[in-house]
Amino acid sequence: MTDINAKYNQADALKDEGKLDEAIALLNEILEEDANHSISHFALAVLYGRVGQHDKAVEHGETAVELDPTDPFSYTAMSVTYQRAYAGTGDESFIQKAEFAMEKSRQVGEQQRMGG
């Protein structure tokens, strides 16, 4: 697992340097090793959105939510991904999905506050 964490940190540094394609490639390598590495899916959702590959951004964001469905932040991040996909494509279906994801974030957060 340490190797995956080191690769993730390297991908994060590449992102910070503006080397988005290299960061994307490294994150995909991580997912070849561990398809359930949710933070890599989240990172790819952001990076694919930045490079205008909104279908891939949405795909990775949705996978991350599936992997971590009890974290309200997962849904908030997914809402942002949908909003960016709408901005990049003009596809209004992403607005409805963004609103649903934000509502789900509120619901999951409320369930956690209520203790279950």
PDB file of N, CA and C in Angstrom:
ATOM      1  N   MET A   1       0.818  -1.197   0.000  1.00  0.00           N
ATOM      2  CA  MET A   1       0.000   0.000   0.000  1.00  0.00           C
ATOM      3  C   MET A   1       0.861   1.259   0.000  1.00  0.00           C
ATOM      4  N   THR A   2       2.012   1.199   0.599  1.00  0.00           N
ATOM      5  CA  THR A   2       2.901   2.355   0.650  1.00  0.00           C
ATOM      6  C   THR A   2       3.259   2.811  -0.754  1.00  0.00           C
ATOM      7  N   ASP A   3       3.469   1.865  -1.661  1.00  0.00           N
ATOM      8  CA  ASP A   3       3.794   2.192  -3.040  1.00  0.00           C
ATOM      9  C   ASP A   3       2.668   2.997  -3.679  1.00  0.00           C
ATOM     10  N   ILE A   4       1.435   2.605  -3.417  1.00  0.00           N
ATOM     11  CA  ILE A   4       0.285   3.331  -3.961  1.00  0.00           C
ATOM     12  C   ILE A   4       0.227   4.736  -3.368  1.00  0.00           C
ATOM     13  N   ASN A   5       0.468   4.869  -2.075  1.00  0.00           N
ATOM     14  CA  ASN A   5       0.466   6.199  -1.459  1.00  0.00           C
ATOM     15  C   ASN A   5       1.562   7.082  -2.044  1.00  0.00           C
ATOM     16  N   ALA A   6       2.731   6.515  -2.285  1.00  0.00           N
ATOM     17  CA  ALA A   6       3.831   7.278  -2.888  1.00  0.00           C
ATOM     18  C   ALA A   6       3.461   7.718  -4.304  1.00  0.00           C
ATOM     19  N   LYS A   7       2.837   6.830  -5.058  1.00  0.00           N
ATOM     20  CA  LYS A   7       2.410   7.189  -6.413  1.00  0.00           C
ATOM     21  C   LYS A   7       1.342   8.271  -6.373  1.00  0.00           C
ATOM     22  N   TYR A   8       0.425   8.156  -5.436  1.00  0.00           N
ATOM     23  CA  TYR A   8      -0.617   9.175  -5.320  1.00  0.00           C
ATOM     24  C   TYR A   8       0.011  10.534  -5.010  1.00  0.00           C
ATOM     25  N   ASN A   9       0.951  10.563  -4.076  1.00  0.00           N
ATOM     26  CA  ASN A   9       1.616  11.816  -3.726  1.00  0.00           C
ATOM     27  C   ASN A   9       2.365  12.388  -4.925  1.00  0.00           C
ATOM     28  N   GLN A  10       2.969  11.510  -5.720  1.00  0.00           N
ATOM     29  CA  GLN A  10       3.670  11.948  -6.929  1.00  0.00           C
ATOM     30  C   GLN A  10       2.668  12.535  -7.931  1.00  0.00           C
ATOM     31  N   ALA A  11       1.524  11.871  -8.095  1.00  0.00           N
ATOM     32  CA  ALA A  11       0.488  12.378  -9.006  1.00  0.00           C
ATOM     33  C   ALA A  11      -0.012  13.738  -8.536  1.00  0.00           C
ATOM     34  N   ASP A  12      -0.174  13.900  -7.227  1.00  0.00           N
ATOM     35  CA  ASP A  12      -0.625  15.171  -6.671  1.00  0.00           C
ATOM     36  C   ASP A  12       0.394  16.278  -6.961  1.00  0.00           C
ATOM     37  N   ALA A  13       1.677  15.938  -6.835  1.00  0.00           N
ATOM     38  CA  ALA A  13       2.727  16.917  -7.138  1.00  0.00           C
ATOM     39  C   ALA A  13       2.712  17.285  -8.623  1.00  0.00           C
ATOM     40  N   LEU A  14       2.517  16.296  -9.486  1.00  0.00           N
ATOM     41  CA  LEU A  14       2.433  16.570 -10.931  1.00  0.00           C
ATOM     42  C   LEU A  14       1.261  17.500 -11.229  1.00  0.00           C
ATOM     43  N   LYS A  15       0.141  17.253 -10.575  1.00  0.00           N
ATOM     44  CA  LYS A  15      -1.034  18.125 -10.741  1.00  0.00           C
ATOM     45  C   LYS A  15      -0.680  19.548 -10.347  1.00  0.00           C
ATOM     46  N   ASP A  16      -0.003  19.709  -9.202  1.00  0.00           N
ATOM     47  CA  ASP A  16       0.371  21.040  -8.722  1.00  0.00           C
ATOM     48  C   ASP A  16       1.325  21.749  -9.682  1.00  0.00           C
ATOM     49  N   GLU A  17       2.130  20.961 -10.416  1.00  0.00           N
ATOM     50  CA  GLU A  17       3.061  21.525 -11.398  1.00  0.00           C
ATOM     51  C   GLU A  17       2.377  21.815 -12.737  1.00  0.00           C
ATOM     52  N   GLY A  18       1.095  21.474 -12.823  1.00  0.00           N
ATOM     53  CA  GLY A  18       0.374  21.700 -14.072  1.00  0.00           C
ATOM     54  C   GLY A  18       0.550  20.603 -15.100  1.00  0.00           C
ATOM     55  N   LYS A  19       1.156  19.501 -14.699  1.00  0.00           N
ATOM     56  CA  LYS A  19       1.390  18.367 -15.600  1.00  0.00           C
ATOM     57  C   LYS A  19       0.210  17.398 -15.485  1.00  0.00           C
ATOM     58  N   LEU A  20      -0.933  17.851 -15.981  1.00  0.00           N
ATOM     59  CA  LEU A  20      -2.172  17.119 -15.759  1.00  0.00           C
ATOM     60  C   LEU A  20      -2.188  15.768 -16.456  1.00  0.00           C
ATOM     61  N   ASP A  21      -1.692  15.702 -17.689  1.00  0.00           N
ATOM     62  CA  ASP A  21      -1.688  14.424 -18.406  1.00  0.00           C
ATOM     63  C   ASP A  21      -0.826  13.390 -17.694  1.00  0.00           C
ATOM     64  N   GLU A  22       0.309  13.834 -17.163  1.00  0.00           N
ATOM     65  CA  GLU A  22       1.178  12.910 -16.429  1.00  0.00           C
ATOM     66  C   GLU A  22       0.512  12.460 -15.123  1.00  0.00           C
ATOM     67  N   ALA A  23      -0.152  13.379 -14.461  1.00  0.00           N
ATOM     68  CA  ALA A  23      -0.854  13.031 -13.217  1.00  0.00           C
ATOM     69  C   ALA A  23      -1.973  12.035 -13.507  1.00  0.00           C
ATOM     70  N   ILE A  24      -2.713  12.272 -14.581  1.00  0.00           N
ATOM     71  CA  ILE A  24      -3.790  11.356 -14.964  1.00  0.00           C
ATOM     72  C   ILE A  24      -3.236   9.964 -15.240  1.00  0.00           C
ATOM     73  N   ALA A  25      -2.136   9.893 -15.963  1.00  0.00           N
ATOM     74  CA  ALA A  25      -1.531   8.592 -16.288  1.00  0.00           C
ATOM     75  C   ALA A  25      -1.130   7.852 -15.010  1.00  0.00           C
ATOM     76  N   LEU A  26      -0.539   8.558 -14.072  1.00  0.00           N
ATOM     77  CA  LEU A  26      -0.093   7.924 -12.831  1.00  0.00           C
ATOM     78  C   LEU A  26      -1.290   7.470 -11.990  1.00  0.00           C
ATOM     79  N   LEU A  27      -2.327   8.269 -11.940  1.00  0.00           N
ATOM     80  CA  LEU A  27      -3.523   7.868 -11.192  1.00  0.00           C
ATOM     81  C   LEU A  27      -4.169   6.636 -11.822  1.00  0.00           C
ATOM     82  N   ASN A  28      -4.171   6.569 -13.127  1.00  0.00           N
ATOM     83  CA  ASN A  28      -4.696   5.368 -13.789  1.00  0.00           C
ATOM     84  C   ASN A  28      -3.844   4.138 -13.494  1.00  0.00           C
ATOM     85  N   GLU A  29      -2.533   4.330 -13.354  1.00  0.00           N
ATOM     86  CA  GLU A  29      -1.654   3.224 -12.945  1.00  0.00           C
ATOM     87  C   GLU A  29      -2.059   2.709 -11.567  1.00  0.00           C
ATOM     88  N   ILE A  30      -2.324   3.647 -10.657  1.00  0.00           N
ATOM     89  CA  ILE A  30      -2.753   3.260  -9.306  1.00  0.00           C
ATOM     90  C   ILE A  30      -4.017   2.410  -9.387  1.00  0.00           C
ATOM     91  N   LEU A  31      -4.967   2.833 -10.217  1.00  0.00           N
ATOM     92  CA  LEU A  31      -6.228   2.095 -10.312  1.00  0.00           C
ATOM     93  C   LEU A  31      -6.054   0.734 -10.963  1.00  0.00           C
ATOM     94  N   GLU A  32      -5.021   0.572 -11.769  1.00  0.00           N
ATOM     95  CA  GLU A  32      -4.717  -0.761 -12.296  1.00  0.00           C
ATOM     96  C   GLU A  32      -4.276  -1.685 -11.171  1.00  0.00           C
ATOM     97  N   GLU A  33      -3.601  -1.128 -10.172  1.00  0.00           N
ATOM     98  CA  GLU A  33      -3.144  -1.906  -9.022  1.00  0.00           C
ATOM     99  C   GLU A  33      -4.268  -2.107  -8.003  1.00  0.00           C
ATOM    100  N   ASP A  34      -5.082  -1.069  -7.813  1.00  0.00           N
ATOM    101  CA  ASP A  34      -6.150  -1.116  -6.815  1.00  0.00           C
ATOM    102  C   ASP A  34      -7.345  -0.318  -7.345  1.00  0.00           C
ATOM    103  N   ALA A  35      -8.259  -1.018  -7.985  1.00  0.00           N
ATOM    104  CA  ALA A  35      -9.420  -0.371  -8.609  1.00  0.00           C
ATOM    105  C   ALA A  35     -10.329   0.304  -7.591  1.00  0.00           C
ATOM    106  N   ASN A  36     -10.165  -0.007  -6.310  1.00  0.00           N
ATOM    107  CA  ASN A  36     -11.008   0.558  -5.253  1.00  0.00           C
ATOM    108  C   ASN A  36     -10.362   1.728  -4.520  1.00  0.00           C
ATOM    109  N   HIS A  37      -9.289   2.271  -5.062  1.00  0.00           N
ATOM    110  CA  HIS A  37      -8.602   3.409  -4.433  1.00  0.00           C
ATOM    111  C   HIS A  37      -9.420   4.666  -4.700  1.00  0.00           C
ATOM    112  N   SER A  38     -10.375   4.934  -3.795  1.00  0.00           N
ATOM    113  CA  SER A  38     -11.381   5.977  -4.047  1.00  0.00           C
ATOM    114  C   SER A  38     -10.778   7.361  -4.228  1.00  0.00           C
ATOM    115  N   ILE A  39      -9.719   7.678  -3.500  1.00  0.00           N
ATOM    116  CA  ILE A  39      -9.146   9.017  -3.626  1.00  0.00           C
ATOM    117  C   ILE A  39      -8.563   9.244  -5.029  1.00  0.00           C
ATOM    118  N   SER A  40      -8.082   8.184  -5.649  1.00  0.00           N
ATOM    119  CA  SER A  40      -7.597   8.314  -7.030  1.00  0.00           C
ATOM    120  C   SER A  40      -8.754   8.566  -7.987  1.00  0.00           C
ATOM    121  N   HIS A  41      -9.885   7.920  -7.727  1.00  0.00           N
ATOM    122  CA  HIS A  41     -11.077   8.189  -8.548  1.00  0.00           C
ATOM    123  C   HIS A  41     -11.516   9.645  -8.380  1.00  0.00           C
ATOM    124  N   PHE A  42     -11.513  10.148  -7.147  1.00  0.00           N
ATOM    125  CA  PHE A  42     -11.865  11.549  -6.921  1.00  0.00           C
ATOM    126  C   PHE A  42     -10.911  12.473  -7.666  1.00  0.00           C
ATOM    127  N   ALA A  43      -9.623  12.187  -7.557  1.00  0.00           N
ATOM    128  CA  ALA A  43      -8.621  13.031  -8.231  1.00  0.00           C
ATOM    129  C   ALA A  43      -8.819  13.003  -9.743  1.00  0.00           C
ATOM    130  N   LEU A  44      -9.102  11.825 -10.281  1.00  0.00           N
ATOM    131  CA  LEU A  44      -9.335  11.733 -11.724  1.00  0.00           C
ATOM    132  C   LEU A  44     -10.603  12.475 -12.135  1.00  0.00           C
ATOM    133  N   ALA A  45     -11.612  12.481 -11.290  1.00  0.00           N
ATOM    134  CA  ALA A  45     -12.820  13.238 -11.603  1.00  0.00           C
ATOM    135  C   ALA A  45     -12.473  14.719 -11.776  1.00  0.00           C
ATOM    136  N   VAL A  46     -11.640  15.232 -10.898  1.00  0.00           N
ATOM    137  CA  VAL A  46     -11.231  16.635 -10.973  1.00  0.00           C
ATOM    138  C   VAL A  46     -10.361  16.870 -12.213  1.00  0.00           C
ATOM    139  N   LEU A  47      -9.361  16.029 -12.395  1.00  0.00           N
ATOM    140  CA  LEU A  47      -8.404  16.247 -13.489  1.00  0.00           C
ATOM    141  C   LEU A  47      -9.036  16.066 -14.860  1.00  0.00           C
ATOM    142  N   TYR A  48      -9.856  15.040 -15.019  1.00  0.00           N
ATOM    143  CA  TYR A  48     -10.520  14.869 -16.311  1.00  0.00           C
ATOM    144  C   TYR A  48     -11.443  16.060 -16.597  1.00  0.00           C
ATOM    145  N   GLY A  49     -12.061  16.607 -15.568  1.00  0.00           N
ATOM    146  CA  GLY A  49     -12.864  17.805 -15.763  1.00  0.00           C
ATOM    147  C   GLY A  49     -12.022  18.976 -16.234  1.00  0.00           C
ATOM    148  N   ARG A  50     -10.845  19.106 -15.671  1.00  0.00           N
ATOM    149  CA  ARG A  50      -9.952  20.214 -16.049  1.00  0.00           C
ATOM    150  C   ARG A  50      -9.483  20.118 -17.501  1.00  0.00           C
ATOM    151  N   VAL A  51      -9.336  18.889 -17.991  1.00  0.00           N
ATOM    152  CA  VAL A  51      -8.863  18.732 -19.373  1.00  0.00           C
ATOM    153  C   VAL A  51     -10.022  18.555 -20.353  1.00  0.00           C
ATOM    154  N   GLY A  52     -11.245  18.761 -19.877  1.00  0.00           N
ATOM    155  CA  GLY A  52     -12.398  18.746 -20.761  1.00  0.00           C
ATOM    156  C   GLY A  52     -12.939  17.375 -21.123  1.00  0.00           C
ATOM    157  N   GLN A  53     -12.502  16.338 -20.395  1.00  0.00           N
ATOM    158  CA  GLN A  53     -13.016  14.991 -20.637  1.00  0.00           C
ATOM    159  C   GLN A  53     -14.095  14.695 -19.589  1.00  0.00           C
ATOM    160  N   HIS A  54     -15.233  15.338 -19.774  1.00  0.00           N
ATOM    161  CA  HIS A  54     -16.275  15.324 -18.750  1.00  0.00           C
ATOM    162  C   HIS A  54     -16.919  13.952 -18.561  1.00  0.00           C
ATOM    163  N   ASP A  55     -17.020  13.165 -19.621  1.00  0.00           N
ATOM    164  CA  ASP A  55     -17.574  11.814 -19.456  1.00  0.00           C
ATOM    165  C   ASP A  55     -16.715  10.990 -18.503  1.00  0.00           C
ATOM    166  N   LYS A  56     -15.403  11.081 -18.680  1.00  0.00           N
ATOM    167  CA  LYS A  56     -14.498  10.344 -17.783  1.00  0.00           C
ATOM    168  C   LYS A  56     -14.529  10.925 -16.378  1.00  0.00           C
ATOM    169  N   ALA A  57     -14.656  12.241 -16.278  1.00  0.00           N
ATOM    170  CA  ALA A  57     -14.737  12.872 -14.954  1.00  0.00           C
ATOM    171  C   ALA A  57     -15.940  12.341 -14.194  1.00  0.00           C
ATOM    172  N   VAL A  58     -17.081  12.312 -14.871  1.00  0.00           N
ATOM    173  CA  VAL A  58     -18.309  11.828 -14.235  1.00  0.00           C
ATOM    174  C   VAL A  58     -18.173  10.347 -13.876  1.00  0.00           C
ATOM    175  N   GLU A  59     -17.615   9.567 -14.772  1.00  0.00           N
ATOM    176  CA  GLU A  59     -17.449   8.129 -14.521  1.00  0.00           C
ATOM    177  C   GLU A  59     -16.627   7.890 -13.257  1.00  0.00           C
ATOM    178  N   HIS A  60     -15.501   8.599 -13.128  1.00  0.00           N
ATOM    179  CA  HIS A  60     -14.647   8.397 -11.949  1.00  0.00           C
ATOM    180  C   HIS A  60     -15.297   8.952 -10.682  1.00  0.00           C
ATOM    181  N   GLY A  61     -15.995  10.067 -10.805  1.00  0.00           N
ATOM    182  CA  GLY A  61     -16.689  10.611  -9.644  1.00  0.00           C
ATOM    183  C   GLY A  61     -17.757   9.667  -9.136  1.00  0.00           C
ATOM    184  N   GLU A  62     -18.522   9.107 -10.065  1.00  0.00           N
ATOM    185  CA  GLU A  62     -19.577   8.165  -9.666  1.00  0.00           C
ATOM    186  C   GLU A  62     -18.986   6.906  -9.043  1.00  0.00           C
ATOM    187  N   THR A  63     -17.865   6.449  -9.561  1.00  0.00           N
ATOM    188  CA  THR A  63     -17.206   5.274  -8.973  1.00  0.00           C
ATOM    189  C   THR A  63     -16.748   5.585  -7.553  1.00  0.00           C
ATOM    190  N   ALA A  64     -16.196   6.776  -7.350  1.00  0.00           N
ATOM    191  CA  ALA A  64     -15.740   7.160  -6.013  1.00  0.00           C
ATOM    192  C   ALA A  64     -16.901   7.176  -5.029  1.00  0.00           C
ATOM    193  N   VAL A  65     -18.053   7.686  -5.463  1.00  0.00           N
ATOM    194  CA  VAL A  65     -19.235   7.706  -4.591  1.00  0.00           C
ATOM    195  C   VAL A  65     -19.680   6.280  -4.266  1.00  0.00           C
ATOM    196  N   GLU A  66     -19.657   5.404  -5.255  1.00  0.00           N
ATOM    197  CA  GLU A  66     -20.029   4.005  -5.014  1.00  0.00           C
ATOM    198  C   GLU A  66     -19.102   3.359  -3.997  1.00  0.00           C
ATOM    199  N   LEU A  67     -17.825   3.719  -4.051  1.00  0.00           N
ATOM    200  CA  LEU A  67     -16.849   3.139  -3.131  1.00  0.00           C
ATOM    201  C   LEU A  67     -16.977   3.695  -1.717  1.00  0.00           C
ATOM    202  N   ASP A  68     -17.480   4.915  -1.590  1.00  0.00           N
ATOM    203  CA  ASP A  68     -17.572   5.562  -0.282  1.00  0.00           C
ATOM    204  C   ASP A  68     -18.937   6.243  -0.120  1.00  0.00           C
ATOM    205  N   PRO A  69     -20.017   5.450  -0.108  1.00  0.00           N
ATOM    206  CA  PRO A  69     -21.370   6.029  -0.102  1.00  0.00           C
ATOM    207  C   PRO A  69     -21.822   6.610   1.233  1.00  0.00           C
ATOM    208  N   THR A  70     -21.038   6.449   2.284  1.00  0.00           N
ATOM    209  CA  THR A  70     -21.446   6.968   3.589  1.00  0.00           C
ATOM    210  C   THR A  70     -20.758   8.287   3.930  1.00  0.00           C
ATOM    211  N   ASP A  71     -19.988   8.835   3.000  1.00  0.00           N
ATOM    212  CA  ASP A  71     -19.283  10.088   3.225  1.00  0.00           C
ATOM    213  C   ASP A  71     -20.022  11.218   2.508  1.00  0.00           C
ATOM    214  N   PRO A  72     -20.595  12.170   3.254  1.00  0.00           N
ATOM    215  CA  PRO A  72     -21.322  13.262   2.604  1.00  0.00           C
ATOM    216  C   PRO A  72     -20.459  14.021   1.597  1.00  0.00           C
ATOM    217  N   PHE A  73     -19.156  14.126   1.879  1.00  0.00           N
ATOM    218  CA  PHE A  73     -18.267  14.837   0.967  1.00  0.00           C
ATOM    219  C   PHE A  73     -18.234  14.176  -0.404  1.00  0.00           C
ATOM    220  N   SER A  74     -18.386  12.850  -0.453  1.00  0.00           N
ATOM    221  CA  SER A  74     -18.402  12.150  -1.741  1.00  0.00           C
ATOM    222  C   SER A  74     -19.475  12.732  -2.651  1.00  0.00           C
ATOM    223  N   TYR A  75     -20.633  12.966  -2.078  1.00  0.00           N
ATOM    224  CA  TYR A  75     -21.747  13.490  -2.867  1.00  0.00           C
ATOM    225  C   TYR A  75     -21.550  14.964  -3.212  1.00  0.00           C
ATOM    226  N   THR A  76     -20.959  15.714  -2.287  1.00  0.00           N
ATOM    227  CA  THR A  76     -20.668  17.117  -2.575  1.00  0.00           C
ATOM    228  C   THR A  76     -19.675  17.212  -3.732  1.00  0.00           C
ATOM    229  N   ALA A  77     -18.624  16.400  -3.678  1.00  0.00           N
ATOM    230  CA  ALA A  77     -17.638  16.394  -4.761  1.00  0.00           C
ATOM    231  C   ALA A  77     -18.285  15.973  -6.078  1.00  0.00           C
ATOM    232  N   MET A  78     -19.198  15.022  -6.010  1.00  0.00           N
ATOM    233  CA  MET A  78     -19.878  14.572  -7.230  1.00  0.00           C
ATOM    234  C   MET A  78     -20.743  15.687  -7.792  1.00  0.00           C
ATOM    235  N   SER A  79     -21.384  16.447  -6.923  1.00  0.00           N
ATOM    236  CA  SER A  79     -22.193  17.569  -7.380  1.00  0.00           C
ATOM    237  C   SER A  79     -21.332  18.578  -8.133  1.00  0.00           C
ATOM    238  N   VAL A  80     -20.169  18.874  -7.595  1.00  0.00           N
ATOM    239  CA  VAL A  80     -19.248  19.797  -8.263  1.00  0.00           C
ATOM    240  C   VAL A  80     -18.815  19.233  -9.618  1.00  0.00           C
ATOM    241  N   THR A  81     -18.546  17.940  -9.674  1.00  0.00           N
ATOM    242  CA  THR A  81     -18.161  17.311 -10.941  1.00  0.00           C
ATOM    243  C   THR A  81     -19.277  17.457 -11.965  1.00  0.00           C
ATOM    244  N   TYR A  82     -20.512  17.225 -11.537  1.00  0.00           N
ATOM    245  CA  TYR A  82     -21.646  17.393 -12.448  1.00  0.00           C
ATOM    246  C   TYR A  82     -21.777  18.847 -12.907  1.00  0.00           C
ATOM    247  N   GLN A  83     -21.582  19.782 -11.985  1.00  0.00           N
ATOM    248  CA  GLN A  83     -21.682  21.198 -12.351  1.00  0.00           C
ATOM    249  C   GLN A  83     -20.628  21.566 -13.386  1.00  0.00           C
ATOM    250  N   ARG A  84     -19.433  21.071 -13.197  1.00  0.00           N
ATOM    251  CA  ARG A  84     -18.353  21.349 -14.160  1.00  0.00           C
ATOM    252  C   ARG A  84     -18.636  20.677 -15.497  1.00  0.00           C
ATOM    253  N   ALA A  85     -19.215  19.490 -15.447  1.00  0.00           N
ATOM    254  CA  ALA A  85     -19.574  18.801 -16.697  1.00  0.00           C
ATOM    255  C   ALA A  85     -20.636  19.609 -17.447  1.00  0.00           C
ATOM    256  N   TYR A  86     -21.587  20.166 -16.707  1.00  0.00           N
ATOM    257  CA  TYR A  86     -22.592  21.024 -17.345  1.00  0.00           C
ATOM    258  C   TYR A  86     -21.929  22.246 -17.982  1.00  0.00           C
ATOM    259  N   ALA A  87     -21.042  22.885 -17.233  1.00  0.00           N
ATOM    260  CA  ALA A  87     -20.365  24.084 -17.744  1.00  0.00           C
ATOM    261  C   ALA A  87     -19.556  23.766 -18.999  1.00  0.00           C
ATOM    262  N   GLY A  88     -18.981  22.566 -19.040  1.00  0.00           N
ATOM    263  CA  GLY A  88     -18.147  22.194 -20.173  1.00  0.00           C
ATOM    264  C   GLY A  88     -18.914  21.670 -21.372  1.00  0.00           C
ATOM    265  N   THR A  89     -20.129  21.187 -21.144  1.00  0.00           N
ATOM    266  CA  THR A  89     -20.862  20.541 -22.239  1.00  0.00           C
ATOM    267  C   THR A  89     -22.183  21.226 -22.572  1.00  0.00           C
ATOM    268  N   GLY A  90     -22.748  21.935 -21.618  1.00  0.00           N
ATOM    269  CA  GLY A  90     -24.074  22.520 -21.811  1.00  0.00           C
ATOM    270  C   GLY A  90     -25.201  21.513 -21.667  1.00  0.00           C
ATOM    271  N   ASP A  91     -24.876  20.283 -21.297  1.00  0.00           N
ATOM    272  CA  ASP A  91     -25.869  19.227 -21.121  1.00  0.00           C
ATOM    273  C   ASP A  91     -26.610  19.469 -19.804  1.00  0.00           C
ATOM    274  N   GLU A  92     -27.877  19.880 -19.921  1.00  0.00           N
ATOM    275  CA  GLU A  92     -28.641  20.258 -18.736  1.00  0.00           C
ATOM    276  C   GLU A  92     -28.969  19.095 -17.809  1.00  0.00           C
ATOM    277  N   SER A  93     -28.825  17.863 -18.276  1.00  0.00           N
ATOM    278  CA  SER A  93     -29.082  16.725 -17.382  1.00  0.00           C
ATOM    279  C   SER A  93     -28.100  16.722 -16.210  1.00  0.00           C
ATOM    280  N   PHE A  94     -26.924  17.334 -16.414  1.00  0.00           N
ATOM    281  CA  PHE A  94     -25.946  17.383 -15.331  1.00  0.00           C
ATOM    282  C   PHE A  94     -26.411  18.273 -14.187  1.00  0.00           C
ATOM    283  N   ILE A  95     -27.255  19.275 -14.473  1.00  0.00           N
ATOM    284  CA  ILE A  95     -27.754  20.151 -13.410  1.00  0.00           C
ATOM    285  C   ILE A  95     -28.645  19.361 -12.457  1.00  0.00           C
ATOM    286  N   GLN A  96     -29.550  18.571 -13.006  1.00  0.00           N
ATOM    287  CA  GLN A  96     -30.425  17.752 -12.167  1.00  0.00           C
ATOM    288  C   GLN A  96     -29.606  16.770 -11.340  1.00  0.00           C
ATOM    289  N   LYS A  97     -28.606  16.165 -11.958  1.00  0.00           N
ATOM    290  CA  LYS A  97     -27.748  15.221 -11.231  1.00  0.00           C
ATOM    291  C   LYS A  97     -26.982  15.936 -10.118  1.00  0.00           C
ATOM    292  N   ALA A  98     -26.529  17.158 -10.386  1.00  0.00           N
ATOM    293  CA  ALA A  98     -25.800  17.933  -9.368  1.00  0.00           C
ATOM    294  C   ALA A  98     -26.695  18.225  -8.173  1.00  0.00           C
ATOM    295  N   GLU A  99     -27.933  18.612  -8.461  1.00  0.00           N
ATOM    296  CA  GLU A  99     -28.877  18.904  -7.381  1.00  0.00           C
ATOM    297  C   GLU A  99     -29.188  17.647  -6.569  1.00  0.00           C
ATOM    298  N   PHE A 100     -29.357  16.517  -7.250  1.00  0.00           N
ATOM    299  CA  PHE A 100     -29.616  15.259  -6.551  1.00  0.00           C
ATOM    300  C   PHE A 100     -28.438  14.895  -5.653  1.00  0.00           C
ATOM    301  N   ALA A 101     -27.215  15.051  -6.169  1.00  0.00           N
ATOM    302  CA  ALA A 101     -26.029  14.708  -5.380  1.00  0.00           C
ATOM    303  C   ALA A 101     -25.918  15.599  -4.140  1.00  0.00           C
ATOM    304  N   MET A 102     -26.246  16.891  -4.264  1.00  0.00           N
ATOM    305  CA  MET A 102     -26.198  17.771  -3.094  1.00  0.00           C
ATOM    306  C   MET A 102     -27.249  17.371  -2.066  1.00  0.00           C
ATOM    307  N   GLU A 103     -28.428  17.002  -2.533  1.00  0.00           N
ATOM    308  CA  GLU A 103     -29.474  16.543  -1.608  1.00  0.00           C
ATOM    309  C   GLU A 103     -29.030  15.264  -0.903  1.00  0.00           C
ATOM    310  N   LYS A 104     -28.417  14.369  -1.643  1.00  0.00           N
ATOM    311  CA  LYS A 104     -27.927  13.117  -1.057  1.00  0.00           C
ATOM    312  C   LYS A 104     -26.847  13.423  -0.009  1.00  0.00           C
ATOM    313  N   SER A 105     -25.992  14.393  -0.287  1.00  0.00           N
ATOM    314  CA  SER A 105     -24.974  14.806   0.675  1.00  0.00           C
ATOM    315  C   SER A 105     -25.618  15.274   1.972  1.00  0.00           C
ATOM    316  N   ARG A 106     -26.678  16.074   1.847  1.00  0.00           N
ATOM    317  CA  ARG A 106     -27.389  16.544   3.053  1.00  0.00           C
ATOM    318  C   ARG A 106     -28.007  15.368   3.817  1.00  0.00           C
ATOM    319  N   GLN A 107     -28.619  14.437   3.084  1.00  0.00           N
ATOM    320  CA  GLN A 107     -29.258  13.289   3.716  1.00  0.00           C
ATOM    321  C   GLN A 107     -28.243  12.423   4.455  1.00  0.00           C
ATOM    322  N   VAL A 108     -27.131  12.134   3.810  1.00  0.00           N
ATOM    323  CA  VAL A 108     -26.110  11.284   4.428  1.00  0.00           C
ATOM    324  C   VAL A 108     -25.509  11.991   5.638  1.00  0.00           C
ATOM    325  N   GLY A 109     -25.270  13.295   5.517  1.00  0.00           N
ATOM    326  CA  GLY A 109     -24.744  14.059   6.648  1.00  0.00           C
ATOM    327  C   GLY A 109     -25.706  14.068   7.819  1.00  0.00           C
ATOM    328  N   GLU A 110     -26.989  14.203   7.525  1.00  0.00           N
ATOM    329  CA  GLU A 110     -28.009  14.182   8.575  1.00  0.00           C
ATOM    330  C   GLU A 110     -28.062  12.815   9.248  1.00  0.00           C
ATOM    331  N   GLN A 111     -27.972  11.753   8.456  1.00  0.00           N
ATOM    332  CA  GLN A 111     -27.978  10.392   9.027  1.00  0.00           C
ATOM    333  C   GLN A 111     -26.792  10.224   9.971  1.00  0.00           C
ATOM    334  N   GLN A 112     -25.654  10.756   9.593  1.00  0.00           N
ATOM    335  CA  GLN A 112     -24.477  10.645  10.464  1.00  0.00           C
ATOM    336  C   GLN A 112     -24.668  11.442  11.751  1.00  0.00           C
ATOM    337  N   ARG A 113     -25.243  12.622  11.639  1.00  0.00           N
ATOM    338  CA  ARG A 113     -25.481  13.441  12.844  1.00  0.00           C
ATOM    339  C   ARG A 113     -26.480  12.780  13.774  1.00  0.00           C
ATOM    340  N   MET A 114     -27.424  12.025  13.201  1.00  0.00           N
ATOM    341  CA  MET A 114     -28.446  11.346  14.002  1.00  0.00           C
ATOM    342  C   MET A 114     -27.927  10.022  14.558  1.00  0.00           C
ATOM    343  N   GLY A 115     -26.707   9.655  14.183  1.00  0.00           N
ATOM    344  CA  GLY A 115     -26.103   8.456  14.738  1.00  0.00           C
ATOM    345  C   GLY A 115     -26.394   7.187  13.972  1.00  0.00           C
ATOM    346  N   GLY A 116     -26.627   7.306  12.687  1.00  0.00           N
ATOM    347  CA  GLY A 116     -26.790   6.037  11.985  1.00  0.00           C
ATOM    348  C   GLY A 116     -27.501   6.165  10.735  1.00  0.00           C
TER     349      GLY A 116
END
